[in-house]
Amino acid sequence: MLRNQEVDWVEEEDQLKNMVNDFYKDLFREDNNAMVWRDTDVSFAIITEEEKDQLKAILSNNEVKEALFSMSAWKAPGPDGFPVGFYQKDWNVIAESVCEFARTMWAYPEKIEDVNFTDICLIPKVNKPEFVNQFHPISLCNVSYKILTKVVVNRLKPIISKVVSPFQTGFVPGRNISENIIIAQEMLHSMAKMRSRIGFFAIKVDLTKAYDRLRWPFIEKVLIEVGIPNEMHQFIMSCIRSVKTNVLWNGSMSSYFNPECGIRQGDPMSPYIFVLCMDKLSHLITEEIDTRHWTPMRAGRNSPHISHLMFADDLLLFGQATEATMASVTRALENFCTMSGQRVN
């Protein structure tokens, strides 16, 4: 039993199922505003030709096996019903077929749609949810699909820490999210002890439905700017664009639909695509600082200047409490939201 948009209770099973499915159809619908890409003087670090060759190489049997056996065996399966454990237990029997399937998908990414079906499982965010938006959507993907994107993840990991700015600690290999937590505590402690006539601010920014609102053209532009070779770029975009989704309600399926935006929580690739996209906000902020519109803050006289800290999709902003800096904060966020489709909560 849930409330609809008119705050009336809906109890009938089919009505509930349709209401939930319609909510996610609307959420994953591209808005009418065209993406406005903004070039910045600040960009991603350049990846080498050797790194590009590794990204676009033909999939090897070892890569496919490593991708499969790095996944938990008995998590909830996707729409085809086969859990990871099935593939792992019978690997000696199915290895050749699975590896050949993976290489075929890599060579012909347009065929990914054949296995790219997703069931959305709803996890309550609160004890007694009353509205659809009080659930957390987790995508259950077919294992055959997750093997493909896990290979992509394993290839991206070596370059992620190189191209993503140091302000981001979520899902970046070699970094720990606790690093930014400690820095944030130091910044807030410093603010509490300040006796200067100059004021400073700390703002926590929450992005609404951050994964679900990412525009696909924006993702594609980011991949191009990073320097991802065309073979992997086309493969990633086929994975994102070809998905067919349905929402499970009390274990019952609804009708499949084609999303027009967003990436899936439950797809191994999504966190890494997301941090690459979020780094464009770092570029916009850094550009504001370089043009002296945004005055950052530092915890001590000899400490480095800090303007922002990122924890995957959460961020903290720091700066001098002036009209110029606040206008700069607003401008950077608005430009990022216009490009990416994000909304500040």
Protein backbone atom coordinates (compact mmCIF):
# COMPACT_ATOMS: atom_id res chain seq x y z
CA MET A 1 0.00 0.00 0.00
CA LEU A 2 1.45 3.35 -1.11
CA ARG A 3 0.28 6.92 -1.65
CA ASN A 4 -0.02 8.33 -5.16
CA GLN A 5 0.83 11.89 -6.28
CA GLU A 6 -2.52 13.10 -4.94
CA VAL A 7 -1.52 11.61 -1.54
CA ASP A 8 -4.35 9.07 -1.77
CA TRP A 9 -3.70 5.50 -0.67
CA VAL A 10 -3.43 2.87 -3.42
CA GLU A 11 -4.07 -0.70 -2.29
CA GLU A 12 -4.97 -2.75 -5.39
CA GLU A 13 -2.00 -4.84 -6.59
CA ASP A 14 -2.22 -4.03 -10.31
CA GLN A 15 -2.66 -0.32 -9.62
CA LEU A 16 0.39 -0.35 -7.34
CA LYS A 17 2.45 -2.17 -9.95
CA ASN A 18 1.46 0.31 -12.68
CA MET A 19 2.06 3.30 -10.41
CA VAL A 20 5.57 2.13 -9.52
CA ASN A 21 6.43 1.28 -13.13
CA ASP A 22 5.12 4.67 -14.34
CA PHE A 23 7.24 6.44 -11.71
CA TYR A 24 10.43 4.87 -13.07
CA LYS A 25 9.40 5.35 -16.69
CA ASP A 26 9.09 9.05 -15.93
CA LEU A 27 12.34 9.14 -13.93
CA PHE A 28 14.29 7.53 -16.79
CA ARG A 29 12.75 9.79 -19.43
CA GLU A 30 15.07 12.37 -20.98
CA ASP A 31 13.93 15.92 -20.21
CA ASN A 32 13.14 18.36 -23.00
CA ASN A 33 16.17 20.55 -22.30
CA ALA A 34 19.01 19.91 -24.73
CA MET A 35 22.43 19.15 -23.28
CA VAL A 36 24.65 22.23 -23.40
CA TRP A 37 28.26 21.09 -23.32
CA ARG A 38 30.72 23.57 -21.90
CA ASP A 39 34.39 23.24 -22.82
CA THR A 40 36.79 23.99 -19.98
CA ASP A 41 40.47 24.88 -19.94
CA VAL A 42 40.84 22.24 -17.22
CA SER A 43 40.51 18.65 -18.48
CA PHE A 44 41.42 15.05 -17.74
CA ALA A 45 45.01 13.84 -17.64
CA ILE A 46 46.13 12.40 -20.97
CA ILE A 47 46.20 8.62 -21.23
CA THR A 48 49.05 7.08 -23.21
CA GLU A 49 48.84 5.13 -26.47
CA GLU A 50 49.91 2.01 -24.57
CA GLU A 51 47.00 2.48 -22.14
CA LYS A 52 44.62 2.98 -25.07
CA ASP A 53 45.86 -0.24 -26.66
CA GLN A 54 45.14 -2.12 -23.42
CA LEU A 55 41.63 -0.64 -23.27
CA LYS A 56 40.70 -1.68 -26.81
CA ALA A 57 42.42 -5.09 -26.98
CA ILE A 58 40.42 -8.22 -27.82
CA LEU A 59 39.02 -9.91 -24.70
CA SER A 60 41.13 -12.79 -23.42
CA ASN A 61 39.89 -15.96 -21.70
CA ASN A 62 41.74 -14.99 -18.52
CA GLU A 63 40.01 -11.60 -18.42
CA VAL A 64 36.59 -13.21 -18.74
CA LYS A 65 37.35 -15.79 -16.04
CA GLU A 66 38.78 -13.15 -13.70
CA ALA A 67 35.68 -10.99 -14.19
CA LEU A 68 33.35 -13.89 -13.39
CA PHE A 69 35.19 -15.18 -10.34
CA SER A 70 35.52 -11.70 -8.81
CA MET A 71 31.74 -11.59 -8.33
CA SER A 72 29.83 -12.93 -5.31
CA ALA A 73 28.41 -16.36 -6.10
CA TRP A 74 24.90 -16.25 -4.69
CA LYS A 75 23.63 -12.71 -4.98
CA ALA A 76 20.16 -12.22 -6.47
CA PRO A 77 20.17 -13.22 -10.17
CA GLY A 78 18.99 -11.14 -13.11
CA PRO A 79 15.92 -11.81 -15.28
CA ASP A 80 17.34 -15.03 -16.76
CA GLY A 81 17.46 -16.59 -13.28
CA PHE A 82 21.06 -17.85 -13.45
CA PRO A 83 23.19 -16.72 -10.47
CA VAL A 84 26.94 -16.18 -10.62
CA GLY A 85 27.44 -19.43 -8.71
CA PHE A 86 26.00 -21.43 -11.61
CA TYR A 87 28.68 -20.11 -13.96
CA GLN A 88 31.44 -20.57 -11.39
CA LYS A 89 30.49 -24.15 -10.44
CA ASP A 90 30.27 -25.30 -14.07
CA TRP A 91 33.10 -23.18 -15.46
CA ASN A 92 34.99 -26.19 -16.84
CA VAL A 93 31.95 -27.07 -18.95
CA ILE A 94 30.86 -23.62 -20.13
CA ALA A 95 34.17 -21.71 -20.24
CA GLU A 96 34.66 -21.92 -24.00
CA SER A 97 31.07 -20.84 -24.75
CA VAL A 98 31.13 -17.93 -22.29
CA CYS A 99 34.49 -16.63 -23.55
CA GLU A 100 33.35 -16.85 -27.17
CA PHE A 101 30.12 -15.04 -26.25
CA ALA A 102 32.11 -12.24 -24.57
CA ARG A 103 34.37 -11.80 -27.61
CA THR A 104 31.36 -11.71 -29.93
CA MET A 105 29.73 -8.98 -27.84
CA TRP A 106 32.99 -7.02 -27.84
CA ALA A 107 33.26 -7.25 -31.63
CA TYR A 108 29.56 -6.52 -32.23
CA PRO A 109 28.34 -4.29 -29.35
CA GLU A 110 24.96 -3.82 -31.03
CA LYS A 111 24.20 -7.43 -29.99
CA ILE A 112 24.45 -6.60 -26.27
CA GLU A 113 20.73 -5.78 -26.26
CA ASP A 114 20.05 -9.54 -26.48
CA VAL A 115 21.20 -10.01 -22.86
CA ASN A 116 20.74 -6.48 -21.53
CA PHE A 117 17.56 -6.94 -19.49
CA THR A 118 17.24 -5.60 -15.96
CA ASP A 119 14.81 -6.13 -13.09
CA ILE A 120 14.65 -3.24 -10.63
CA CYS A 121 14.32 -4.41 -7.04
CA LEU A 122 13.05 -1.77 -4.59
CA ILE A 123 14.75 -1.47 -1.19
CA PRO A 124 13.00 0.79 1.38
CA LYS A 125 14.97 3.87 2.47
CA VAL A 126 12.79 4.39 5.56
CA ASN A 127 11.08 2.07 8.01
CA LYS A 128 7.54 2.62 6.70
CA PRO A 129 7.66 3.96 3.14
CA GLU A 130 4.52 5.68 1.90
CA PHE A 131 5.69 7.00 -1.48
CA VAL A 132 7.52 5.41 -4.40
CA ASN A 133 10.46 7.82 -4.05
CA GLN A 134 11.13 6.39 -0.58
CA PHE A 135 12.55 3.24 -2.17
CA HIS A 136 16.10 2.68 -3.39
CA PRO A 137 16.19 1.05 -6.87
CA ILE A 138 18.75 -1.73 -7.31
CA SER A 139 19.15 -3.18 -10.80
CA LEU A 140 19.45 -6.95 -11.12
CA CYS A 141 21.37 -7.60 -14.34
CA ASN A 142 21.97 -10.89 -16.12
CA VAL A 143 25.31 -12.44 -15.17
CA SER A 144 26.20 -12.80 -18.86
CA TYR A 145 25.92 -9.01 -19.12
CA LYS A 146 27.77 -8.34 -15.85
CA ILE A 147 30.74 -10.38 -17.05
CA LEU A 148 31.10 -7.94 -19.94
CA THR A 149 30.96 -4.80 -17.82
CA LYS A 150 33.21 -6.33 -15.16
CA VAL A 151 35.87 -6.74 -17.86
CA VAL A 152 35.38 -3.05 -18.72
CA VAL A 153 35.81 -2.14 -15.04
CA ASN A 154 39.03 -4.16 -14.74
CA ARG A 155 40.43 -2.36 -17.77
CA LEU A 156 39.36 1.09 -16.55
CA LYS A 157 40.71 0.73 -13.00
CA PRO A 158 44.40 1.34 -13.89
CA ILE A 159 43.59 4.69 -15.52
CA ILE A 160 40.84 5.94 -13.17
CA SER A 161 43.23 7.16 -10.46
CA LYS A 162 45.28 8.91 -13.15
CA VAL A 163 42.46 10.83 -14.85
CA VAL A 164 40.13 11.56 -11.90
CA SER A 165 41.06 14.63 -9.83
CA PRO A 166 42.39 14.12 -6.27
CA PHE A 167 39.25 15.72 -4.80
CA GLN A 168 37.29 12.50 -5.50
CA THR A 169 37.86 9.48 -3.24
CA GLY A 170 34.79 7.36 -4.07
CA PHE A 171 35.40 4.29 -6.28
CA VAL A 172 38.91 5.40 -7.22
CA PRO A 173 41.48 2.57 -6.83
CA GLY A 174 44.24 3.47 -4.38
CA ARG A 175 42.13 6.06 -2.58
CA ASN A 176 40.03 5.70 0.54
CA ILE A 177 36.86 7.65 1.19
CA SER A 178 38.01 8.14 4.80
CA GLU A 179 40.77 10.43 3.48
CA ASN A 180 38.21 13.05 2.49
CA ILE A 181 36.29 12.51 5.72
CA ILE A 182 39.43 13.37 7.72
CA ILE A 183 40.12 16.44 5.56
CA ALA A 184 36.50 17.59 5.97
CA GLN A 185 36.77 17.26 9.76
CA GLU A 186 39.97 19.31 9.74
CA MET A 187 38.33 22.00 7.62
CA LEU A 188 35.29 22.24 9.90
CA HIS A 189 37.50 22.24 13.01
CA SER A 190 39.53 25.09 11.51
CA MET A 191 36.35 27.06 10.77
CA ALA A 192 35.17 26.65 14.35
CA LYS A 193 38.49 28.03 15.67
CA MET A 194 38.76 30.97 13.26
CA ARG A 195 38.90 34.48 14.70
CA SER A 196 39.35 36.28 11.38
CA ARG A 197 36.98 39.00 10.19
CA ILE A 198 36.83 37.13 6.89
CA GLY A 199 34.06 34.54 6.88
CA PHE A 200 34.18 31.14 5.18
CA PHE A 201 31.49 28.65 4.22
CA ALA A 202 31.06 24.89 3.99
CA ILE A 203 28.13 23.61 1.93
CA LYS A 204 27.01 19.99 1.64
CA VAL A 205 25.49 19.37 -1.78
CA ASP A 206 23.17 16.42 -2.36
CA LEU A 207 22.33 15.44 -5.94
CA THR A 208 18.82 14.04 -6.40
CA LYS A 209 18.70 10.58 -8.03
CA ALA A 210 22.28 11.13 -9.20
CA TYR A 211 22.74 7.86 -11.13
CA ASP A 212 19.25 7.96 -12.62
CA ARG A 213 19.48 11.45 -14.15
CA LEU A 214 22.82 11.25 -15.98
CA ARG A 215 22.33 12.23 -19.61
CA TRP A 216 23.66 9.72 -22.12
CA PRO A 217 25.07 12.39 -24.50
CA PHE A 218 26.96 13.84 -21.52
CA ILE A 219 28.44 10.44 -20.67
CA GLU A 220 29.53 10.03 -24.28
CA LYS A 221 31.21 13.45 -24.34
CA VAL A 222 33.07 12.63 -21.11
CA LEU A 223 34.34 9.31 -22.53
CA ILE A 224 35.60 11.13 -25.62
CA GLU A 225 37.31 13.82 -23.53
CA VAL A 226 38.97 11.20 -21.31
CA GLY A 227 40.41 9.66 -24.48
CA ILE A 228 38.70 6.27 -24.25
CA PRO A 229 39.38 4.54 -27.61
CA ASN A 230 36.46 4.13 -29.98
CA GLU A 231 36.17 0.35 -29.50
CA MET A 232 35.59 0.63 -25.75
CA HIS A 233 33.64 3.87 -26.06
CA GLN A 234 31.12 2.23 -28.44
CA PHE A 235 30.94 -0.85 -26.22
CA ILE A 236 30.20 1.17 -23.07
CA MET A 237 27.53 3.28 -24.78
CA SER A 238 25.86 0.14 -26.20
CA CYS A 239 25.70 -1.27 -22.66
CA ILE A 240 24.09 1.94 -21.41
CA ARG A 241 21.68 2.60 -24.29
CA SER A 242 20.38 -0.90 -25.07
CA VAL A 243 18.97 -1.75 -21.63
CA LYS A 244 15.37 -2.89 -21.18
CA THR A 245 14.03 -2.44 -17.65
CA ASN A 246 11.08 -3.58 -15.60
CA VAL A 247 10.25 -2.96 -11.94
CA LEU A 248 9.57 -5.87 -9.61
CA TRP A 249 6.70 -5.31 -7.19
CA ASN A 250 6.36 -7.97 -4.49
CA GLY A 251 8.33 -10.26 -6.78
CA SER A 252 5.91 -9.74 -9.66
CA MET A 253 7.14 -8.43 -13.01
CA SER A 254 5.66 -5.47 -14.83
CA SER A 255 6.17 -4.55 -18.49
CA TYR A 256 9.66 -3.83 -19.85
CA PHE A 257 10.46 -0.32 -21.03
CA ASN A 258 13.48 1.44 -22.56
CA PRO A 259 15.08 4.13 -20.36
CA GLU A 260 16.27 7.32 -22.04
CA CYS A 261 18.80 8.45 -19.43
CA GLY A 262 20.62 7.27 -16.32
CA ILE A 263 22.92 4.41 -15.37
CA ARG A 264 22.05 1.42 -13.20
CA GLN A 265 22.90 0.86 -9.56
CA GLY A 266 23.81 -2.80 -9.74
CA ASP A 267 25.80 -2.62 -12.98
CA PRO A 268 29.52 -3.13 -12.08
CA MET A 269 30.47 -0.40 -14.56
CA SER A 270 28.20 2.36 -13.21
CA PRO A 271 30.27 3.69 -10.25
CA TYR A 272 33.32 4.20 -12.47
CA ILE A 273 31.36 5.91 -15.24
CA PHE A 274 29.77 8.10 -12.58
CA VAL A 275 33.03 9.31 -11.01
CA LEU A 276 34.38 10.16 -14.48
CA CYS A 277 31.26 12.25 -15.12
CA MET A 278 31.39 13.91 -11.70
CA ASP A 279 34.94 14.99 -12.42
CA LYS A 280 33.59 17.52 -14.93
CA LEU A 281 32.24 19.40 -11.91
CA SER A 282 35.79 19.45 -10.52
CA HIS A 283 36.95 20.95 -13.81
CA LEU A 284 34.29 23.68 -13.63
CA ILE A 285 35.19 24.50 -10.02
CA THR A 286 38.92 24.57 -10.77
CA GLU A 287 38.27 26.91 -13.69
CA GLU A 288 36.32 29.26 -11.39
CA ILE A 289 39.30 29.28 -9.00
CA ASP A 290 41.82 29.85 -11.80
CA THR A 291 39.84 32.90 -12.97
CA ARG A 292 39.77 34.16 -9.33
CA HIS A 293 35.99 34.10 -9.07
CA TRP A 294 36.00 31.41 -6.35
CA THR A 295 38.28 31.95 -3.34
CA PRO A 296 38.96 28.56 -1.72
CA MET A 297 39.77 27.91 1.92
CA ARG A 298 42.64 26.32 3.80
CA ALA A 299 42.73 24.79 7.26
CA GLY A 300 46.01 26.45 8.27
CA ARG A 301 48.55 29.00 7.12
CA ASN A 302 50.74 26.43 5.37
CA SER A 303 47.92 24.10 4.32
CA PRO A 304 46.80 23.63 0.70
CA HIS A 305 43.71 25.44 -0.53
CA ILE A 306 40.58 23.29 -0.55
CA SER A 307 37.54 24.18 -2.65
CA HIS A 308 35.63 20.89 -2.71
CA LEU A 309 35.70 17.27 -1.58
CA MET A 310 33.81 14.49 -3.36
CA PHE A 311 32.47 11.27 -1.89
CA ALA A 312 31.14 9.61 -5.10
CA ASP A 313 27.81 11.46 -5.51
CA ASP A 314 28.04 13.58 -2.34
CA LEU A 315 30.19 16.68 -2.15
CA LEU A 316 31.32 19.40 0.23
CA LEU A 317 32.15 22.89 -1.02
CA PHE A 318 34.45 25.33 0.80
CA GLY A 319 35.32 28.95 0.19
CA GLN A 320 35.39 32.53 1.33
CA ALA A 321 31.92 33.83 2.23
CA THR A 322 31.70 36.59 -0.35
CA GLU A 323 29.08 37.42 -2.96
CA ALA A 324 31.61 36.75 -5.72
CA THR A 325 32.43 33.26 -4.46
CA MET A 326 28.78 32.37 -3.87
CA ALA A 327 27.93 33.52 -7.41
CA SER A 328 30.80 31.33 -8.62
CA VAL A 329 29.46 28.32 -6.67
CA THR A 330 26.01 28.81 -8.18
CA ARG A 331 27.45 29.18 -11.68
CA ALA A 332 29.58 26.02 -11.45
CA LEU A 333 26.66 23.92 -10.15
CA GLU A 334 24.22 25.30 -12.72
CA ASN A 335 26.64 24.68 -15.59
CA PHE A 336 27.24 21.12 -14.41
CA CYS A 337 23.53 20.39 -14.00
CA THR A 338 22.77 21.82 -17.45
CA MET A 339 25.40 19.54 -18.99
CA SER A 340 24.79 16.36 -17.03
CA GLY A 341 21.06 16.41 -16.23
CA GLN A 342 21.75 16.42 -12.47
CA ARG A 343 19.61 18.31 -9.97
CA VAL A 344 20.67 19.70 -6.62
CA ASN A 345 18.35 18.52 -3.85
